[in-house]
Amino acid sequence: MIKQETFKILKKIAAFYDQFAFDQEKVDLWHEVLKRYSFDEVQKNLFSYVAKSCNPPCLYDLVHKQEGSRTIPNAEETKILLIRNYVPASEEVVQHNLAKMRAILGIKRGQANEQI
């Protein structure tokens, strides 16, 4: 992206958000970040962001893909993530943690029912 395109992006942001102001310093600083991205990619992210937010975007919002990048998963997506990422503890870890719990509670193996 060239500096003129960075200016165009900032001008569009100012058109969408009345509270957004920019000067030459902001153009220069934003350009330092945006110069490695394509104008079309940044503009696409801007339009996607504008449709979802009443606050002006920051640089992060313009350089990262908007689909799902800042959304909270719904119940179904959460189930899928949990199932996909589930790694059961080894038997050794389970037995070690059970022994720690018994020690904390003062329970000797086989005596839990006798105390009731």
N, C-alpha and C. Protein backbone atom coordinates (compact mmCIF):
# COMPACT_ATOMS: atom_id res chain seq x y z
N MET A 1 0.86 -1.18 0.00
CA MET A 1 0.00 0.00 0.00
C MET A 1 0.90 1.23 0.00
N ILE A 2 0.55 2.18 -0.81
CA ILE A 2 1.31 3.43 -0.83
C ILE A 2 0.64 4.43 0.12
N LYS A 3 1.37 5.51 0.41
CA LYS A 3 0.89 6.47 1.40
C LYS A 3 -0.43 7.12 0.97
N GLN A 4 -0.60 7.34 -0.33
CA GLN A 4 -1.85 7.92 -0.82
C GLN A 4 -3.03 7.00 -0.50
N GLU A 5 -2.83 5.69 -0.58
CA GLU A 5 -3.89 4.74 -0.26
C GLU A 5 -4.19 4.73 1.24
N THR A 6 -3.12 4.90 2.04
CA THR A 6 -3.34 5.02 3.49
C THR A 6 -4.21 6.23 3.78
N PHE A 7 -3.91 7.35 3.11
CA PHE A 7 -4.73 8.56 3.26
C PHE A 7 -6.19 8.28 2.89
N LYS A 8 -6.40 7.54 1.79
CA LYS A 8 -7.77 7.21 1.37
C LYS A 8 -8.50 6.38 2.43
N ILE A 9 -7.78 5.43 3.05
CA ILE A 9 -8.39 4.62 4.11
C ILE A 9 -8.79 5.50 5.28
N LEU A 10 -7.88 6.38 5.71
CA LEU A 10 -8.19 7.27 6.85
C LEU A 10 -9.34 8.22 6.50
N LYS A 11 -9.39 8.67 5.26
CA LYS A 11 -10.48 9.55 4.81
C LYS A 11 -11.83 8.80 4.87
N LYS A 12 -11.82 7.53 4.49
CA LYS A 12 -13.05 6.73 4.57
C LYS A 12 -13.47 6.52 6.01
N ILE A 13 -12.50 6.25 6.90
CA ILE A 13 -12.83 6.08 8.31
C ILE A 13 -13.47 7.36 8.85
N ALA A 14 -12.89 8.52 8.49
CA ALA A 14 -13.44 9.81 8.94
C ALA A 14 -14.84 10.04 8.38
N ALA A 15 -15.11 9.54 7.19
CA ALA A 15 -16.45 9.69 6.61
C ALA A 15 -17.46 8.81 7.34
N PHE A 16 -17.03 7.63 7.76
CA PHE A 16 -17.93 6.73 8.49
C PHE A 16 -18.13 7.15 9.94
N TYR A 17 -17.09 7.72 10.54
CA TYR A 17 -17.12 8.04 11.98
C TYR A 17 -16.77 9.51 12.18
N ASP A 18 -17.77 10.30 12.58
CA ASP A 18 -17.56 11.74 12.75
C ASP A 18 -16.49 12.05 13.80
N GLN A 19 -16.34 11.22 14.81
CA GLN A 19 -15.40 11.48 15.89
C GLN A 19 -13.95 11.15 15.51
N PHE A 20 -13.74 10.57 14.34
CA PHE A 20 -12.38 10.18 13.91
C PHE A 20 -11.73 11.34 13.17
N ALA A 21 -10.61 11.80 13.69
CA ALA A 21 -9.86 12.88 13.05
C ALA A 21 -8.44 12.39 12.76
N PHE A 22 -7.85 12.93 11.73
CA PHE A 22 -6.47 12.55 11.43
C PHE A 22 -5.71 13.73 10.85
N ASP A 23 -4.40 13.67 11.00
CA ASP A 23 -3.51 14.69 10.46
C ASP A 23 -2.35 13.99 9.75
N GLN A 24 -1.38 14.76 9.32
CA GLN A 24 -0.26 14.18 8.57
C GLN A 24 0.52 13.17 9.42
N GLU A 25 0.66 13.45 10.70
CA GLU A 25 1.38 12.51 11.58
C GLU A 25 0.68 11.16 11.64
N LYS A 26 -0.64 11.18 11.75
CA LYS A 26 -1.40 9.93 11.78
C LYS A 26 -1.28 9.20 10.45
N VAL A 27 -1.32 9.92 9.35
CA VAL A 27 -1.15 9.29 8.04
C VAL A 27 0.21 8.60 7.98
N ASP A 28 1.25 9.30 8.42
CA ASP A 28 2.60 8.73 8.39
C ASP A 28 2.72 7.48 9.27
N LEU A 29 2.20 7.55 10.48
CA LEU A 29 2.31 6.42 11.40
C LEU A 29 1.48 5.23 10.94
N TRP A 30 0.26 5.48 10.50
CA TRP A 30 -0.57 4.38 10.01
C TRP A 30 0.05 3.75 8.76
N HIS A 31 0.66 4.59 7.94
CA HIS A 31 1.28 4.06 6.73
C HIS A 31 2.44 3.11 7.07
N GLU A 32 3.18 3.40 8.13
CA GLU A 32 4.28 2.52 8.54
C GLU A 32 3.77 1.11 8.82
N VAL A 33 2.57 1.00 9.35
CA VAL A 33 1.99 -0.31 9.64
C VAL A 33 1.31 -0.89 8.40
N LEU A 34 0.56 -0.08 7.69
CA LEU A 34 -0.27 -0.57 6.59
C LEU A 34 0.50 -0.80 5.28
N LYS A 35 1.71 -0.31 5.16
CA LYS A 35 2.41 -0.39 3.88
C LYS A 35 2.68 -1.82 3.42
N ARG A 36 2.70 -2.76 4.34
CA ARG A 36 2.95 -4.16 3.91
C ARG A 36 1.67 -4.91 3.55
N TYR A 37 0.53 -4.24 3.63
CA TYR A 37 -0.76 -4.87 3.28
C TYR A 37 -1.28 -4.25 1.99
N SER A 38 -2.13 -4.99 1.31
CA SER A 38 -2.71 -4.45 0.08
C SER A 38 -3.88 -3.53 0.42
N PHE A 39 -4.08 -2.54 -0.44
CA PHE A 39 -5.18 -1.61 -0.27
C PHE A 39 -6.52 -2.34 -0.26
N ASP A 40 -6.69 -3.27 -1.19
CA ASP A 40 -7.96 -4.00 -1.29
C ASP A 40 -8.26 -4.80 -0.03
N GLU A 41 -7.23 -5.44 0.53
CA GLU A 41 -7.42 -6.23 1.76
C GLU A 41 -7.83 -5.34 2.93
N VAL A 42 -7.14 -4.21 3.09
CA VAL A 42 -7.45 -3.29 4.19
C VAL A 42 -8.83 -2.68 4.01
N GLN A 43 -9.16 -2.29 2.79
CA GLN A 43 -10.48 -1.72 2.52
C GLN A 43 -11.59 -2.74 2.79
N LYS A 44 -11.37 -3.97 2.39
CA LYS A 44 -12.35 -5.04 2.65
C LYS A 44 -12.56 -5.21 4.15
N ASN A 45 -11.47 -5.23 4.92
CA ASN A 45 -11.58 -5.35 6.37
C ASN A 45 -12.27 -4.13 6.98
N LEU A 46 -12.02 -2.95 6.43
CA LEU A 46 -12.68 -1.74 6.91
C LEU A 46 -14.19 -1.83 6.70
N PHE A 47 -14.61 -2.21 5.51
CA PHE A 47 -16.04 -2.30 5.23
C PHE A 47 -16.71 -3.36 6.10
N SER A 48 -16.03 -4.45 6.32
CA SER A 48 -16.56 -5.50 7.19
C SER A 48 -16.69 -4.98 8.62
N TYR A 49 -15.69 -4.25 9.07
CA TYR A 49 -15.69 -3.70 10.43
C TYR A 49 -16.80 -2.66 10.60
N VAL A 50 -16.94 -1.77 9.64
CA VAL A 50 -17.93 -0.69 9.71
C VAL A 50 -19.34 -1.25 9.85
N ALA A 51 -19.60 -2.36 9.21
CA ALA A 51 -20.94 -2.96 9.27
C ALA A 51 -21.26 -3.52 10.65
N LYS A 52 -20.24 -3.68 11.50
CA LYS A 52 -20.45 -4.33 12.80
C LYS A 52 -20.17 -3.44 14.00
N SER A 53 -19.60 -2.27 13.81
CA SER A 53 -19.18 -1.48 14.97
C SER A 53 -19.51 0.00 14.81
N CYS A 54 -19.89 0.60 15.92
CA CYS A 54 -20.18 2.04 15.91
C CYS A 54 -18.96 2.86 16.33
N ASN A 55 -17.85 2.21 16.66
CA ASN A 55 -16.61 2.89 17.03
C ASN A 55 -15.60 2.79 15.90
N PRO A 56 -14.75 3.80 15.74
CA PRO A 56 -13.75 3.75 14.69
C PRO A 56 -12.79 2.57 14.88
N PRO A 57 -12.28 2.02 13.81
CA PRO A 57 -11.36 0.88 13.93
C PRO A 57 -9.96 1.31 14.35
N CYS A 58 -9.25 0.40 14.95
CA CYS A 58 -7.82 0.60 15.18
C CYS A 58 -7.08 -0.16 14.08
N LEU A 59 -5.79 -0.04 14.06
CA LEU A 59 -5.01 -0.71 13.02
C LEU A 59 -5.23 -2.21 13.03
N TYR A 60 -5.31 -2.80 14.20
CA TYR A 60 -5.53 -4.25 14.32
C TYR A 60 -6.78 -4.68 13.56
N ASP A 61 -7.83 -3.89 13.68
CA ASP A 61 -9.09 -4.24 13.02
C ASP A 61 -8.97 -4.24 11.50
N LEU A 62 -8.04 -3.48 10.98
CA LEU A 62 -7.90 -3.37 9.53
C LEU A 62 -6.94 -4.38 8.92
N VAL A 63 -6.04 -4.92 9.71
CA VAL A 63 -5.03 -5.81 9.14
C VAL A 63 -5.31 -7.29 9.42
N HIS A 64 -6.28 -7.58 10.24
CA HIS A 64 -6.65 -8.96 10.51
C HIS A 64 -8.01 -9.26 9.92
N LYS A 65 -8.17 -10.48 9.47
CA LYS A 65 -9.44 -10.87 8.88
C LYS A 65 -10.54 -10.75 9.92
N GLN A 66 -11.67 -10.22 9.51
CA GLN A 66 -12.76 -9.96 10.44
C GLN A 66 -13.62 -11.17 10.73
N GLU A 67 -13.65 -12.16 9.79
CA GLU A 67 -14.53 -13.29 10.01
C GLU A 67 -14.07 -14.09 11.20
N GLY A 68 -14.77 -13.97 12.31
CA GLY A 68 -14.50 -14.80 13.47
C GLY A 68 -13.30 -14.38 14.29
N SER A 69 -12.58 -13.34 13.91
CA SER A 69 -11.38 -13.00 14.63
C SER A 69 -11.64 -12.44 16.01
N ARG A 70 -12.76 -11.83 16.20
CA ARG A 70 -13.06 -11.25 17.50
C ARG A 70 -14.45 -11.65 17.98
N THR A 71 -14.89 -12.82 17.60
CA THR A 71 -16.21 -13.24 18.00
C THR A 71 -16.13 -14.33 19.05
N ILE A 72 -17.16 -14.40 19.84
CA ILE A 72 -17.26 -15.44 20.86
C ILE A 72 -18.02 -16.60 20.23
N PRO A 73 -17.49 -17.82 20.36
CA PRO A 73 -18.18 -18.94 19.73
C PRO A 73 -19.53 -19.22 20.39
N ASN A 74 -20.49 -19.68 19.58
CA ASN A 74 -21.78 -20.05 20.15
C ASN A 74 -21.67 -21.44 20.78
N ALA A 75 -22.77 -21.97 21.29
CA ALA A 75 -22.73 -23.25 22.01
C ALA A 75 -22.24 -24.38 21.13
N GLU A 76 -22.72 -24.46 19.90
CA GLU A 76 -22.30 -25.54 19.00
C GLU A 76 -20.81 -25.45 18.66
N GLU A 77 -20.35 -24.23 18.38
CA GLU A 77 -18.93 -24.05 18.07
C GLU A 77 -18.06 -24.40 19.28
N THR A 78 -18.54 -24.06 20.47
CA THR A 78 -17.80 -24.38 21.69
C THR A 78 -17.69 -25.89 21.87
N LYS A 79 -18.79 -26.62 21.64
CA LYS A 79 -18.76 -28.08 21.75
C LYS A 79 -17.73 -28.67 20.79
N ILE A 80 -17.73 -28.17 19.57
CA ILE A 80 -16.79 -28.67 18.56
C ILE A 80 -15.35 -28.41 19.00
N LEU A 81 -15.09 -27.19 19.49
CA LEU A 81 -13.74 -26.86 19.95
C LEU A 81 -13.31 -27.73 21.11
N LEU A 82 -14.23 -27.97 22.04
CA LEU A 82 -13.89 -28.80 23.20
C LEU A 82 -13.61 -30.24 22.79
N ILE A 83 -14.43 -30.78 21.91
CA ILE A 83 -14.23 -32.15 21.46
C ILE A 83 -12.93 -32.27 20.67
N ARG A 84 -12.69 -31.32 19.80
CA ARG A 84 -11.50 -31.37 18.95
C ARG A 84 -10.22 -31.23 19.78
N ASN A 85 -10.24 -30.42 20.82
CA ASN A 85 -9.04 -30.15 21.61
C ASN A 85 -8.93 -30.99 22.87
N TYR A 86 -9.86 -31.92 23.09
CA TYR A 86 -9.85 -32.72 24.31
C TYR A 86 -8.72 -33.74 24.30
N VAL A 87 -7.90 -33.68 25.33
CA VAL A 87 -6.84 -34.67 25.52
C VAL A 87 -7.00 -35.19 26.94
N PRO A 88 -7.41 -36.45 27.11
CA PRO A 88 -7.62 -36.96 28.47
C PRO A 88 -6.30 -37.06 29.23
N ALA A 89 -6.39 -36.89 30.54
CA ALA A 89 -5.20 -37.03 31.38
C ALA A 89 -4.79 -38.48 31.44
N SER A 90 -3.50 -38.70 31.61
CA SER A 90 -3.02 -40.07 31.71
C SER A 90 -3.46 -40.66 33.05
N GLU A 91 -3.49 -41.97 33.13
CA GLU A 91 -3.89 -42.65 34.37
C GLU A 91 -2.97 -42.24 35.52
N GLU A 92 -1.70 -42.05 35.23
CA GLU A 92 -0.74 -41.65 36.26
C GLU A 92 -1.11 -40.29 36.85
N VAL A 93 -1.48 -39.35 35.99
CA VAL A 93 -1.86 -38.01 36.45
C VAL A 93 -3.15 -38.08 37.26
N VAL A 94 -4.11 -38.85 36.80
CA VAL A 94 -5.37 -39.00 37.52
C VAL A 94 -5.13 -39.56 38.92
N GLN A 95 -4.36 -40.64 39.02
CA GLN A 95 -4.11 -41.26 40.32
C GLN A 95 -3.32 -40.33 41.24
N HIS A 96 -2.38 -39.59 40.70
CA HIS A 96 -1.61 -38.64 41.50
C HIS A 96 -2.53 -37.56 42.09
N ASN A 97 -3.42 -37.01 41.27
CA ASN A 97 -4.33 -35.96 41.75
C ASN A 97 -5.37 -36.51 42.73
N LEU A 98 -5.83 -37.73 42.52
CA LEU A 98 -6.75 -38.35 43.48
C LEU A 98 -6.05 -38.56 44.82
N ALA A 99 -4.80 -38.98 44.81
CA ALA A 99 -4.04 -39.16 46.05
C ALA A 99 -3.88 -37.83 46.77
N LYS A 100 -3.62 -36.75 46.02
CA LYS A 100 -3.50 -35.42 46.64
C LYS A 100 -4.81 -35.00 47.29
N MET A 101 -5.94 -35.25 46.59
CA MET A 101 -7.25 -34.89 47.17
C MET A 101 -7.52 -35.69 48.43
N ARG A 102 -7.21 -37.01 48.41
CA ARG A 102 -7.41 -37.83 49.62
C ARG A 102 -6.58 -37.31 50.77
N ALA A 103 -5.35 -36.90 50.49
CA ALA A 103 -4.48 -36.38 51.54
C ALA A 103 -5.04 -35.08 52.12
N ILE A 104 -5.50 -34.21 51.26
CA ILE A 104 -6.08 -32.93 51.72
C ILE A 104 -7.31 -33.18 52.58
N LEU A 105 -8.16 -34.12 52.16
CA LEU A 105 -9.41 -34.41 52.88
C LEU A 105 -9.20 -35.35 54.06
N GLY A 106 -8.01 -35.89 54.20
CA GLY A 106 -7.73 -36.81 55.31
C GLY A 106 -8.40 -38.16 55.14
N ILE A 107 -8.56 -38.61 53.93
CA ILE A 107 -9.22 -39.89 53.64
C ILE A 107 -8.15 -40.92 53.32
N LYS A 108 -8.24 -42.05 54.02
CA LYS A 108 -7.36 -43.16 53.68
C LYS A 108 -8.15 -44.06 52.76
N ARG A 109 -7.49 -44.69 51.82
CA ARG A 109 -8.17 -45.53 50.83
C ARG A 109 -9.00 -46.59 51.49
N GLY A 110 -10.25 -46.70 51.05
CA GLY A 110 -11.15 -47.72 51.58
C GLY A 110 -11.90 -47.30 52.83
N GLN A 111 -11.66 -46.12 53.36
CA GLN A 111 -12.32 -45.67 54.59
C GLN A 111 -13.34 -44.58 54.35
N ALA A 112 -13.59 -44.19 53.14
CA ALA A 112 -14.53 -43.09 52.87
C ALA A 112 -15.92 -43.44 53.34
N ASN A 113 -16.38 -44.67 53.16
CA ASN A 113 -17.73 -45.06 53.55
C ASN A 113 -17.87 -45.22 55.06
N GLU A 114 -16.79 -45.51 55.75
CA GLU A 114 -16.85 -45.71 57.19
C GLU A 114 -17.10 -44.41 57.93
N GLN A 115 -16.69 -43.28 57.40
CA GLN A 115 -16.85 -42.00 58.08
C GLN A 115 -18.26 -41.45 57.94
N ILE A 116 -19.04 -41.96 57.03
CA ILE A 116 -20.38 -41.42 56.80
C ILE A 116 -21.34 -41.86 57.84
